[in-house]
Amino acid sequence: MRWIGVLVLGAVATVGVAGAQTIQVDKNNRTIAVTASDKASAEADIAVVTIGFQIYAPDAATAYSQGSTLSNAILDALKKSGVVDKAVESQDQKLNYTEFAENDKSTPEQRAQKAFTLSQSWTVHASAKDAGMVLHVGIQAGGDVSGNIDWELADRNGLQAKAAEKALVRARNVATQMAAGLNAHLGALIYASNQTPMSRFYGGVLNTESASVASRPAPPQLPLAIRPQQVEESATVYAVFSIE
């Protein structure tokens, strides 16, 4: 939500900025203080793809053995497709007794065959254009609990700067209108501060050295049609202008 706050100062006053700067305001030094917000967006260029699996077995040893085989097969398939080791981060791995739902219709024999559950998941950092192929490779290799994709932007600071720039332009436009309403002319910008919200990062520490899928023979099935989302940043600026 975009919002704007305006403060016109004409009497004797001071504007303190975190104790670091004090602006004297009196009849010879009038100001308009404006708080304005805006947003900027850009198409994501990094994808954080979740690949995982879940298997059932009658005992812990069998679950671990089968899970180990499948786990290494998935990582081997990703590596052969061009995903580098540093692009893959482990997220979760569990070997537990299976908890059946209250309305589960399985017979005792069927439950016995699923007495233990082993699950594991990873996040794979890839360029946005390779997200579909990374997901495809992981699923084809046995990753039957896969699909979540978080989208990021490598130059997040640059996007924040664009949002702050747009917010400052908005603040100046409002200040200009306010000055005109006071039969005055908007002067120079005296002070400006930028407040940006904390950015969200996904899948652990962002790895900017993203994976790139190497050229290889076409798989028997096409990957899912996946398109990058827009990444958005917002900024709020507090700007003080002189009025003449």
C-alpha atoms as a PDB file:
ATOM      1  CA  MET A   1       0.000   0.000   0.000  1.00  0.00           C
ATOM      2  CA  ARG A   2       1.422   3.397  -0.988  1.00  0.00           C
ATOM      3  CA  TRP A   3       1.077   6.117   1.615  1.00  0.00           C
ATOM      4  CA  ILE A   4       2.144   9.713   2.117  1.00  0.00           C
ATOM      5  CA  GLY A   5       2.565  11.861   5.192  1.00  0.00           C
ATOM      6  CA  VAL A   6       3.044  15.643   5.038  1.00  0.00           C
ATOM      7  CA  LEU A   7       4.258  18.081   7.665  1.00  0.00           C
ATOM      8  CA  VAL A   8       4.535  21.835   7.034  1.00  0.00           C
ATOM      9  CA  LEU A   9       6.762  23.715   9.452  1.00  0.00           C
ATOM     10  CA  GLY A  10       6.614  27.502   9.659  1.00  0.00           C
ATOM     11  CA  ALA A  11       7.092  28.432  13.285  1.00  0.00           C
ATOM     12  CA  VAL A  12      10.305  28.165  15.247  1.00  0.00           C
ATOM     13  CA  ALA A  13      11.191  24.477  15.508  1.00  0.00           C
ATOM     14  CA  THR A  14      13.937  21.968  14.941  1.00  0.00           C
ATOM     15  CA  VAL A  15      13.962  18.687  13.044  1.00  0.00           C
ATOM     16  CA  GLY A  16      16.336  16.171  14.647  1.00  0.00           C
ATOM     17  CA  VAL A  17      17.582  13.173  12.693  1.00  0.00           C
ATOM     18  CA  ALA A  18      18.674  10.371  15.002  1.00  0.00           C
ATOM     19  CA  GLY A  19      20.803  12.830  16.923  1.00  0.00           C
ATOM     20  CA  ALA A  20      23.161  13.146  13.975  1.00  0.00           C
ATOM     21  CA  GLN A  21      21.702  16.182  12.213  1.00  0.00           C
ATOM     22  CA  THR A  22      19.527  19.085  13.372  1.00  0.00           C
ATOM     23  CA  ILE A  23      17.652  21.325  10.952  1.00  0.00           C
ATOM     24  CA  GLN A  24      16.780  24.769  12.294  1.00  0.00           C
ATOM     25  CA  VAL A  25      13.333  25.938  11.198  1.00  0.00           C
ATOM     26  CA  ASP A  26      12.077  29.491  11.694  1.00  0.00           C
ATOM     27  CA  LYS A  27      10.292  32.195   9.699  1.00  0.00           C
ATOM     28  CA  ASN A  28      13.400  32.645   7.568  1.00  0.00           C
ATOM     29  CA  ASN A  29      13.946  28.948   7.069  1.00  0.00           C
ATOM     30  CA  ARG A  30      10.612  27.278   6.375  1.00  0.00           C
ATOM     31  CA  THR A  31      10.361  23.630   5.377  1.00  0.00           C
ATOM     32  CA  ILE A  32       7.955  20.938   4.257  1.00  0.00           C
ATOM     33  CA  ALA A  33       8.566  17.411   5.543  1.00  0.00           C
ATOM     34  CA  VAL A  34       7.025  14.550   3.589  1.00  0.00           C
ATOM     35  CA  THR A  35       6.958  10.801   4.209  1.00  0.00           C
ATOM     36  CA  ALA A  36       6.162   8.756   1.103  1.00  0.00           C
ATOM     37  CA  SER A  37       6.259   5.088   0.085  1.00  0.00           C
ATOM     38  CA  ASP A  38       6.517   3.305  -3.227  1.00  0.00           C
ATOM     39  CA  LYS A  39       7.430  -0.056  -4.731  1.00  0.00           C
ATOM     40  CA  ALA A  40       9.594  -1.478  -7.484  1.00  0.00           C
ATOM     41  CA  SER A  41       9.495  -4.925  -9.049  1.00  0.00           C
ATOM     42  CA  ALA A  42      11.576  -7.026 -11.413  1.00  0.00           C
ATOM     43  CA  GLU A  43      11.428 -10.532 -12.798  1.00  0.00           C
ATOM     44  CA  ALA A  44      13.265 -13.045 -10.623  1.00  0.00           C
ATOM     45  CA  ASP A  45      16.562 -14.322 -11.958  1.00  0.00           C
ATOM     46  CA  ILE A  46      17.221 -16.967  -9.266  1.00  0.00           C
ATOM     47  CA  ALA A  47      15.040 -19.974  -8.421  1.00  0.00           C
ATOM     48  CA  VAL A  48      15.267 -21.997  -5.220  1.00  0.00           C
ATOM     49  CA  VAL A  49      13.726 -25.359  -6.135  1.00  0.00           C
ATOM     50  CA  THR A  50      12.658 -27.906  -3.508  1.00  0.00           C
ATOM     51  CA  ILE A  51      13.383 -31.534  -4.378  1.00  0.00           C
ATOM     52  CA  GLY A  52      12.391 -34.323  -1.999  1.00  0.00           C
ATOM     53  CA  PHE A  53      11.031 -37.829  -1.570  1.00  0.00           C
ATOM     54  CA  GLN A  54       9.199 -40.029   0.908  1.00  0.00           C
ATOM     55  CA  ILE A  55       9.235 -43.825   1.093  1.00  0.00           C
ATOM     56  CA  TYR A  56       7.659 -46.479   3.325  1.00  0.00           C
ATOM     57  CA  ALA A  57       9.133 -49.772   4.515  1.00  0.00           C
ATOM     58  CA  PRO A  58       8.305 -52.547   6.981  1.00  0.00           C
ATOM     59  CA  ASP A  59      11.379 -51.883   9.138  1.00  0.00           C
ATOM     60  CA  ALA A  60      13.924 -49.148   9.780  1.00  0.00           C
ATOM     61  CA  ALA A  61      16.831 -50.958   8.131  1.00  0.00           C
ATOM     62  CA  THR A  62      14.929 -51.445   4.883  1.00  0.00           C
ATOM     63  CA  ALA A  63      13.697 -47.844   4.897  1.00  0.00           C
ATOM     64  CA  TYR A  64      17.218 -46.549   5.388  1.00  0.00           C
ATOM     65  CA  SER A  65      18.692 -48.804   2.717  1.00  0.00           C
ATOM     66  CA  GLN A  66      16.088 -47.886   0.109  1.00  0.00           C
ATOM     67  CA  GLY A  67      16.206 -44.222   1.102  1.00  0.00           C
ATOM     68  CA  SER A  68      19.986 -44.119   0.801  1.00  0.00           C
ATOM     69  CA  THR A  69      19.828 -45.572  -2.700  1.00  0.00           C
ATOM     70  CA  LEU A  70      17.160 -43.114  -3.797  1.00  0.00           C
ATOM     71  CA  SER A  71      18.845 -40.145  -2.109  1.00  0.00           C
ATOM     72  CA  ASN A  72      22.123 -40.710  -3.916  1.00  0.00           C
ATOM     73  CA  ALA A  73      20.363 -41.407  -7.208  1.00  0.00           C
ATOM     74  CA  ILE A  74      18.599 -38.030  -7.069  1.00  0.00           C
ATOM     75  CA  LEU A  75      21.775 -36.097  -6.298  1.00  0.00           C
ATOM     76  CA  ASP A  76      23.655 -38.024  -8.989  1.00  0.00           C
ATOM     77  CA  ALA A  77      20.982 -37.148 -11.551  1.00  0.00           C
ATOM     78  CA  LEU A  78      21.130 -33.466 -10.594  1.00  0.00           C
ATOM     79  CA  LYS A  79      24.924 -33.481 -10.849  1.00  0.00           C
ATOM     80  CA  LYS A  80      24.869 -35.149 -14.262  1.00  0.00           C
ATOM     81  CA  SER A  81      22.419 -32.485 -15.472  1.00  0.00           C
ATOM     82  CA  GLY A  82      24.931 -29.756 -14.614  1.00  0.00           C
ATOM     83  CA  VAL A  83      23.950 -28.752 -11.062  1.00  0.00           C
ATOM     84  CA  VAL A  84      27.108 -28.064  -9.031  1.00  0.00           C
ATOM     85  CA  ASP A  85      27.447 -29.373  -5.471  1.00  0.00           C
ATOM     86  CA  LYS A  86      27.478 -25.912  -3.879  1.00  0.00           C
ATOM     87  CA  ALA A  87      24.049 -25.159  -5.387  1.00  0.00           C
ATOM     88  CA  VAL A  88      22.399 -27.952  -3.372  1.00  0.00           C
ATOM     89  CA  GLU A  89      21.537 -27.567   0.318  1.00  0.00           C
ATOM     90  CA  SER A  90      20.041 -30.254   2.552  1.00  0.00           C
ATOM     91  CA  GLN A  91      16.852 -29.121   4.289  1.00  0.00           C
ATOM     92  CA  ASP A  92      15.314 -32.073   6.091  1.00  0.00           C
ATOM     93  CA  GLN A  93      15.831 -35.803   6.549  1.00  0.00           C
ATOM     94  CA  LYS A  94      13.831 -38.054   8.864  1.00  0.00           C
ATOM     95  CA  LEU A  95      13.413 -41.730   9.647  1.00  0.00           C
ATOM     96  CA  ASN A  96      10.353 -42.304  11.840  1.00  0.00           C
ATOM     97  CA  TYR A  97       7.572 -44.676  12.693  1.00  0.00           C
ATOM     98  CA  THR A  98       4.717 -44.008  10.277  1.00  0.00           C
ATOM     99  CA  GLU A  99       1.821 -42.079  11.762  1.00  0.00           C
ATOM    100  CA  PHE A 100      -1.406 -43.175  10.122  1.00  0.00           C
ATOM    101  CA  ALA A 101      -4.411 -40.852   9.951  1.00  0.00           C
ATOM    102  CA  GLU A 102      -7.452 -41.681  12.058  1.00  0.00           C
ATOM    103  CA  ASN A 103      -9.548 -42.302   8.945  1.00  0.00           C
ATOM    104  CA  ASP A 104      -6.875 -44.455   7.281  1.00  0.00           C
ATOM    105  CA  LYS A 105      -8.471 -47.507   5.643  1.00  0.00           C
ATOM    106  CA  SER A 106      -5.324 -49.626   5.430  1.00  0.00           C
ATOM    107  CA  THR A 107      -5.464 -53.212   6.625  1.00  0.00           C
ATOM    108  CA  PRO A 108      -3.099 -54.359   9.389  1.00  0.00           C
ATOM    109  CA  GLU A 109      -1.004 -56.110   6.766  1.00  0.00           C
ATOM    110  CA  GLN A 110      -0.755 -52.952   4.674  1.00  0.00           C
ATOM    111  CA  ARG A 111       0.183 -50.902   7.719  1.00  0.00           C
ATOM    112  CA  ALA A 112       2.874 -53.414   8.583  1.00  0.00           C
ATOM    113  CA  GLN A 113       4.442 -52.863   5.151  1.00  0.00           C
ATOM    114  CA  LYS A 114       4.475 -49.102   5.848  1.00  0.00           C
ATOM    115  CA  ALA A 115       5.582 -49.219   9.468  1.00  0.00           C
ATOM    116  CA  PHE A 116       8.504 -46.841   8.853  1.00  0.00           C
ATOM    117  CA  THR A 117       8.788 -43.644   6.822  1.00  0.00           C
ATOM    118  CA  LEU A 118      11.972 -42.094   5.501  1.00  0.00           C
ATOM    119  CA  SER A 119      11.858 -38.630   3.917  1.00  0.00           C
ATOM    120  CA  GLN A 120      14.480 -36.206   2.689  1.00  0.00           C
ATOM    121  CA  SER A 121      14.512 -32.853   0.912  1.00  0.00           C
ATOM    122  CA  TRP A 122      16.950 -30.377  -0.586  1.00  0.00           C
ATOM    123  CA  THR A 123      16.823 -26.914  -2.071  1.00  0.00           C
ATOM    124  CA  VAL A 124      18.595 -26.337  -5.369  1.00  0.00           C
ATOM    125  CA  HIS A 125      19.694 -22.809  -6.313  1.00  0.00           C
ATOM    126  CA  ALA A 126      19.449 -22.355 -10.064  1.00  0.00           C
ATOM    127  CA  SER A 127      19.012 -19.620 -12.599  1.00  0.00           C
ATOM    128  CA  ALA A 128      15.327 -18.818 -13.096  1.00  0.00           C
ATOM    129  CA  LYS A 129      15.389 -20.119 -16.666  1.00  0.00           C
ATOM    130  CA  ASP A 130      16.586 -23.534 -15.443  1.00  0.00           C
ATOM    131  CA  ALA A 131      13.980 -23.969 -12.686  1.00  0.00           C
ATOM    132  CA  GLY A 132      11.729 -26.227 -14.745  1.00  0.00           C
ATOM    133  CA  MET A 133      14.575 -28.486 -15.851  1.00  0.00           C
ATOM    134  CA  VAL A 134      15.968 -28.836 -12.301  1.00  0.00           C
ATOM    135  CA  LEU A 135      12.519 -29.827 -11.049  1.00  0.00           C
ATOM    136  CA  HIS A 136      12.088 -32.216 -13.966  1.00  0.00           C
ATOM    137  CA  VAL A 137      15.406 -33.962 -13.312  1.00  0.00           C
ATOM    138  CA  GLY A 138      14.667 -34.308  -9.602  1.00  0.00           C
ATOM    139  CA  ILE A 139      11.205 -35.789 -10.169  1.00  0.00           C
ATOM    140  CA  GLN A 140      12.403 -38.134 -12.909  1.00  0.00           C
ATOM    141  CA  ALA A 141      15.070 -39.452 -10.519  1.00  0.00           C
ATOM    142  CA  GLY A 142      12.480 -40.289  -7.849  1.00  0.00           C
ATOM    143  CA  GLY A 143      11.789 -37.016  -6.061  1.00  0.00           C
ATOM    144  CA  ASP A 144       8.068 -37.584  -5.518  1.00  0.00           C
ATOM    145  CA  VAL A 145       7.715 -34.770  -2.948  1.00  0.00           C
ATOM    146  CA  SER A 146       9.001 -31.865  -5.033  1.00  0.00           C
ATOM    147  CA  GLY A 147       7.769 -28.697  -6.650  1.00  0.00           C
ATOM    148  CA  ASN A 148       7.956 -25.667  -4.376  1.00  0.00           C
ATOM    149  CA  ILE A 149       9.935 -22.832  -5.966  1.00  0.00           C
ATOM    150  CA  ASP A 150      10.943 -19.616  -4.224  1.00  0.00           C
ATOM    151  CA  TRP A 151      12.000 -16.775  -6.486  1.00  0.00           C
ATOM    152  CA  GLU A 152      14.798 -14.321  -5.764  1.00  0.00           C
ATOM    153  CA  LEU A 153      16.726 -11.491  -7.372  1.00  0.00           C
ATOM    154  CA  ALA A 154      20.515 -11.357  -7.359  1.00  0.00           C
ATOM    155  CA  ASP A 155      20.599  -7.540  -7.253  1.00  0.00           C
ATOM    156  CA  ARG A 156      18.111  -7.045  -4.433  1.00  0.00           C
ATOM    157  CA  ASN A 157      19.881  -3.862  -3.298  1.00  0.00           C
ATOM    158  CA  GLY A 158      19.444  -2.366  -6.747  1.00  0.00           C
ATOM    159  CA  LEU A 159      15.708  -3.055  -6.611  1.00  0.00           C
ATOM    160  CA  GLN A 160      15.495  -1.414  -3.177  1.00  0.00           C
ATOM    161  CA  ALA A 161      17.277   1.623  -4.583  1.00  0.00           C
ATOM    162  CA  LYS A 162      14.704   1.885  -7.389  1.00  0.00           C
ATOM    163  CA  ALA A 163      11.864   1.724  -4.870  1.00  0.00           C
ATOM    164  CA  ALA A 164      13.505   4.469  -2.793  1.00  0.00           C
ATOM    165  CA  GLU A 165      14.038   6.605  -5.899  1.00  0.00           C
ATOM    166  CA  LYS A 166      10.356   6.309  -6.830  1.00  0.00           C
ATOM    167  CA  ALA A 167       9.320   7.144  -3.269  1.00  0.00           C
ATOM    168  CA  LEU A 168      11.505  10.266  -3.276  1.00  0.00           C
ATOM    169  CA  VAL A 169       9.982  11.430  -6.567  1.00  0.00           C
ATOM    170  CA  ARG A 170       6.537  10.942  -5.045  1.00  0.00           C
ATOM    171  CA  ALA A 171       7.581  12.903  -1.973  1.00  0.00           C
ATOM    172  CA  ARG A 172       8.840  15.796  -4.115  1.00  0.00           C
ATOM    173  CA  ASN A 173       5.612  15.873  -6.145  1.00  0.00           C
ATOM    174  CA  VAL A 174       3.517  16.065  -2.986  1.00  0.00           C
ATOM    175  CA  ALA A 175       5.774  18.714  -1.498  1.00  0.00           C
ATOM    176  CA  THR A 176       5.483  20.764  -4.695  1.00  0.00           C
ATOM    177  CA  GLN A 177       1.691  20.657  -4.507  1.00  0.00           C
ATOM    178  CA  MET A 178       1.754  21.626  -0.834  1.00  0.00           C
ATOM    179  CA  ALA A 179       4.080  24.542  -1.502  1.00  0.00           C
ATOM    180  CA  ALA A 180       1.801  25.778  -4.287  1.00  0.00           C
ATOM    181  CA  GLY A 181      -1.124  25.635  -1.875  1.00  0.00           C
ATOM    182  CA  LEU A 182       0.824  27.905   0.449  1.00  0.00           C
ATOM    183  CA  ASN A 183       1.641  30.304  -2.411  1.00  0.00           C
ATOM    184  CA  ALA A 184       5.270  29.367  -2.045  1.00  0.00           C
ATOM    185  CA  HIS A 185       7.917  27.774  -4.215  1.00  0.00           C
ATOM    186  CA  LEU A 186       9.512  24.453  -3.335  1.00  0.00           C
ATOM    187  CA  GLY A 187      13.216  24.822  -2.712  1.00  0.00           C
ATOM    188  CA  ALA A 188      16.073  22.397  -2.345  1.00  0.00           C
ATOM    189  CA  LEU A 189      15.995  19.024  -0.654  1.00  0.00           C
ATOM    190  CA  ILE A 190      17.524  19.497   2.793  1.00  0.00           C
ATOM    191  CA  TYR A 191      17.437  15.971   4.133  1.00  0.00           C
ATOM    192  CA  ALA A 192      16.197  12.516   3.089  1.00  0.00           C
ATOM    193  CA  SER A 193      16.227   9.136   4.812  1.00  0.00           C
ATOM    194  CA  ASN A 194      15.249   5.747   3.456  1.00  0.00           C
ATOM    195  CA  GLN A 195      13.523   2.994   5.408  1.00  0.00           C
ATOM    196  CA  THR A 196      13.376  -0.339   3.606  1.00  0.00           C
ATOM    197  CA  PRO A 197      11.706  -3.404   5.093  1.00  0.00           C
ATOM    198  CA  MET A 198      13.796  -6.481   5.860  1.00  0.00           C
ATOM    199  CA  SER A 199      14.216  -8.556   2.722  1.00  0.00           C
ATOM    200  CA  ARG A 200      13.091 -12.168   2.727  1.00  0.00           C
ATOM    201  CA  PHE A 201      15.489 -14.833   1.585  1.00  0.00           C
ATOM    202  CA  TYR A 202      14.456 -18.371   0.892  1.00  0.00           C
ATOM    203  CA  GLY A 203      16.029 -21.778   1.262  1.00  0.00           C
ATOM    204  CA  GLY A 204      18.802 -20.830   3.692  1.00  0.00           C
ATOM    205  CA  VAL A 205      21.699 -18.614   2.687  1.00  0.00           C
ATOM    206  CA  LEU A 206      21.283 -17.274  -0.818  1.00  0.00           C
ATOM    207  CA  ASN A 207      23.840 -18.803  -3.151  1.00  0.00           C
ATOM    208  CA  THR A 208      24.441 -16.329  -5.964  1.00  0.00           C
ATOM    209  CA  GLU A 209      26.626 -18.852  -7.797  1.00  0.00           C
ATOM    210  CA  SER A 210      23.534 -20.509  -9.207  1.00  0.00           C
ATOM    211  CA  ALA A 211      23.443 -23.805 -10.995  1.00  0.00           C
ATOM    212  CA  SER A 212      23.294 -23.996 -14.755  1.00  0.00           C
ATOM    213  CA  VAL A 213      21.914 -27.069 -16.480  1.00  0.00           C
ATOM    214  CA  ALA A 214      24.271 -28.379 -19.128  1.00  0.00           C
ATOM    215  CA  SER A 215      23.198 -29.416 -22.598  1.00  0.00           C
ATOM    216  CA  ARG A 216      22.162 -33.072 -22.723  1.00  0.00           C
ATOM    217  CA  PRO A 217      19.875 -35.358 -24.737  1.00  0.00           C
ATOM    218  CA  ALA A 218      16.212 -34.425 -24.572  1.00  0.00           C
ATOM    219  CA  PRO A 219      14.381 -36.309 -21.804  1.00  0.00           C
ATOM    220  CA  PRO A 220      11.434 -38.541 -22.703  1.00  0.00           C
ATOM    221  CA  GLN A 221       9.021 -35.993 -21.212  1.00  0.00           C
ATOM    222  CA  LEU A 222       9.064 -32.225 -21.381  1.00  0.00           C
ATOM    223  CA  PRO A 223       9.563 -30.280 -18.130  1.00  0.00           C
ATOM    224  CA  LEU A 224       6.636 -28.413 -16.640  1.00  0.00           C
ATOM    225  CA  ALA A 225       6.053 -24.972 -18.158  1.00  0.00           C
ATOM    226  CA  ILE A 226       7.328 -22.685 -15.385  1.00  0.00           C
ATOM    227  CA  ARG A 227       7.691 -18.903 -15.547  1.00  0.00           C
ATOM    228  CA  PRO A 228       9.548 -16.730 -12.995  1.00  0.00           C
ATOM    229  CA  GLN A 229       7.549 -14.597 -10.606  1.00  0.00           C
ATOM    230  CA  GLN A 230       8.043 -10.883 -10.002  1.00  0.00           C
ATOM    231  CA  VAL A 231      10.165  -9.922  -7.003  1.00  0.00           C
ATOM    232  CA  GLU A 232       9.002  -6.781  -5.208  1.00  0.00           C
ATOM    233  CA  GLU A 233      10.709  -4.330  -2.863  1.00  0.00           C
ATOM    234  CA  SER A 234       9.146  -1.359  -1.093  1.00  0.00           C
ATOM    235  CA  ALA A 235      10.734   1.712   0.436  1.00  0.00           C
ATOM    236  CA  THR A 236       9.618   4.623   2.612  1.00  0.00           C
ATOM    237  CA  VAL A 237      11.486   7.925   2.491  1.00  0.00           C
ATOM    238  CA  TYR A 238      11.340  10.881   4.837  1.00  0.00           C
ATOM    239  CA  ALA A 239      12.255  14.045   2.958  1.00  0.00           C
ATOM    240  CA  VAL A 240      12.581  17.637   4.151  1.00  0.00           C
ATOM    241  CA  PHE A 241      12.406  20.442   1.538  1.00  0.00           C
ATOM    242  CA  SER A 242      12.864  24.153   1.987  1.00  0.00           C
ATOM    243  CA  ILE A 243      10.101  26.470   0.780  1.00  0.00           C
ATOM    244  CA  GLU A 244      10.648  29.945  -0.548  1.00  0.00           C
END
